[in-house]
Protein backbone atom coordinates (compact mmCIF):
# COMPACT_ATOMS: atom_id res chain seq x y z
CA MET A 1 -0.28 -0.16 0.02
CA GLN A 2 1.43 3.10 -0.85
CA ASP A 3 2.01 6.10 1.88
CA ALA A 4 -1.13 8.50 2.40
CA PHE A 5 -0.67 11.97 1.86
CA HIS A 6 -2.34 15.35 2.31
CA TRP A 7 -3.53 18.56 0.30
CA LEU A 8 0.14 20.19 0.66
CA ASP A 9 1.81 17.12 -1.51
CA VAL A 10 1.35 19.10 -4.26
CA GLU A 11 4.38 16.81 -6.37
CA ARG A 12 3.04 14.03 -5.33
CA ILE A 13 -0.87 14.83 -6.17
CA GLY A 14 0.30 16.23 -9.41
CA GLU A 15 1.65 12.25 -10.49
CA GLU A 16 -1.20 10.83 -9.35
CA LEU A 17 -3.73 13.16 -11.03
CA PHE A 18 -1.62 12.56 -14.39
CA ASP A 19 -1.23 8.49 -13.77
CA ARG A 20 -5.12 7.87 -13.04
CA PHE A 21 -6.53 10.74 -15.46
CA ASP A 22 -4.12 10.84 -18.20
CA ASP A 23 -7.15 11.40 -20.84
CA GLU A 24 -7.91 14.81 -18.99
CA ASP A 25 -6.35 17.91 -19.47
CA PRO A 26 -5.49 19.72 -16.69
CA LEU A 27 -6.71 23.38 -18.38
CA THR A 28 -10.16 22.68 -18.57
CA ILE A 29 -11.12 22.02 -15.15
CA GLY A 30 -12.24 23.88 -12.50
CA PHE A 31 -11.33 23.72 -9.20
CA PRO A 32 -14.25 22.36 -7.93
CA ARG A 33 -14.39 19.80 -9.94
CA LEU A 34 -9.97 19.73 -9.18
CA LYS A 35 -10.68 19.55 -5.30
CA SER A 36 -13.33 15.98 -6.11
CA MET A 37 -10.76 14.73 -8.26
CA VAL A 38 -8.01 15.39 -5.81
CA GLU A 39 -10.51 13.58 -2.59
CA ALA A 40 -10.69 10.43 -4.78
CA LEU A 41 -7.54 9.58 -5.38
CA ASP A 42 -5.91 6.40 -3.70
CA GLY A 43 -4.05 7.36 -0.77
CA PHE A 44 -5.19 11.03 -0.09
CA GLU A 45 -6.72 12.16 3.87
CA GLU A 46 -7.19 14.91 4.84
CA GLN A 47 -5.17 16.83 7.73
CA ASP A 48 -6.79 18.54 10.31
CA GLY A 49 -4.71 21.91 9.83
CA HIS A 50 -4.00 22.02 6.16
CA PRO A 51 -7.50 22.89 4.31
CA CYS A 52 -7.84 23.36 0.76
CA ASN A 53 -8.04 26.45 -0.70
CA GLU A 54 -7.07 28.14 -4.29
CA ARG A 55 -3.58 28.89 -4.58
CA ILE A 56 -3.11 24.57 -3.40
CA LEU A 57 -5.61 23.87 -6.43
CA GLU A 58 -3.33 25.84 -8.55
CA ALA A 59 0.02 24.56 -7.81
CA ILE A 60 -1.61 21.05 -7.59
CA GLN A 61 -3.23 22.11 -10.78
CA GLN A 62 0.35 23.16 -12.65
CA ALA A 63 2.75 19.93 -10.88
CA TRP A 64 -0.61 18.14 -13.17
CA ILE A 65 0.48 20.25 -16.29
CA SER A 66 4.43 19.38 -15.33
CA GLU A 67 3.61 15.83 -15.18
CA ARG A 68 1.95 16.07 -18.38
CA GLU A 69 5.16 17.99 -20.01
CA ASP A 70 7.92 15.81 -18.81
């Protein structure tokens, strides 16, 4: 089983999104849907004191874009 990760693990989340949703374009996904997609990832766990916000979602989106470009 993989180690758990949370909102601040943006690089890991970007990798996980790329692996699971490789046919999706992160630039076409709104933040509410992106948040739901992250919450549905295996191994994702919310952590007390680290809520999700727009800045985190932007960083996740950028990490996902970077994964696609590599």
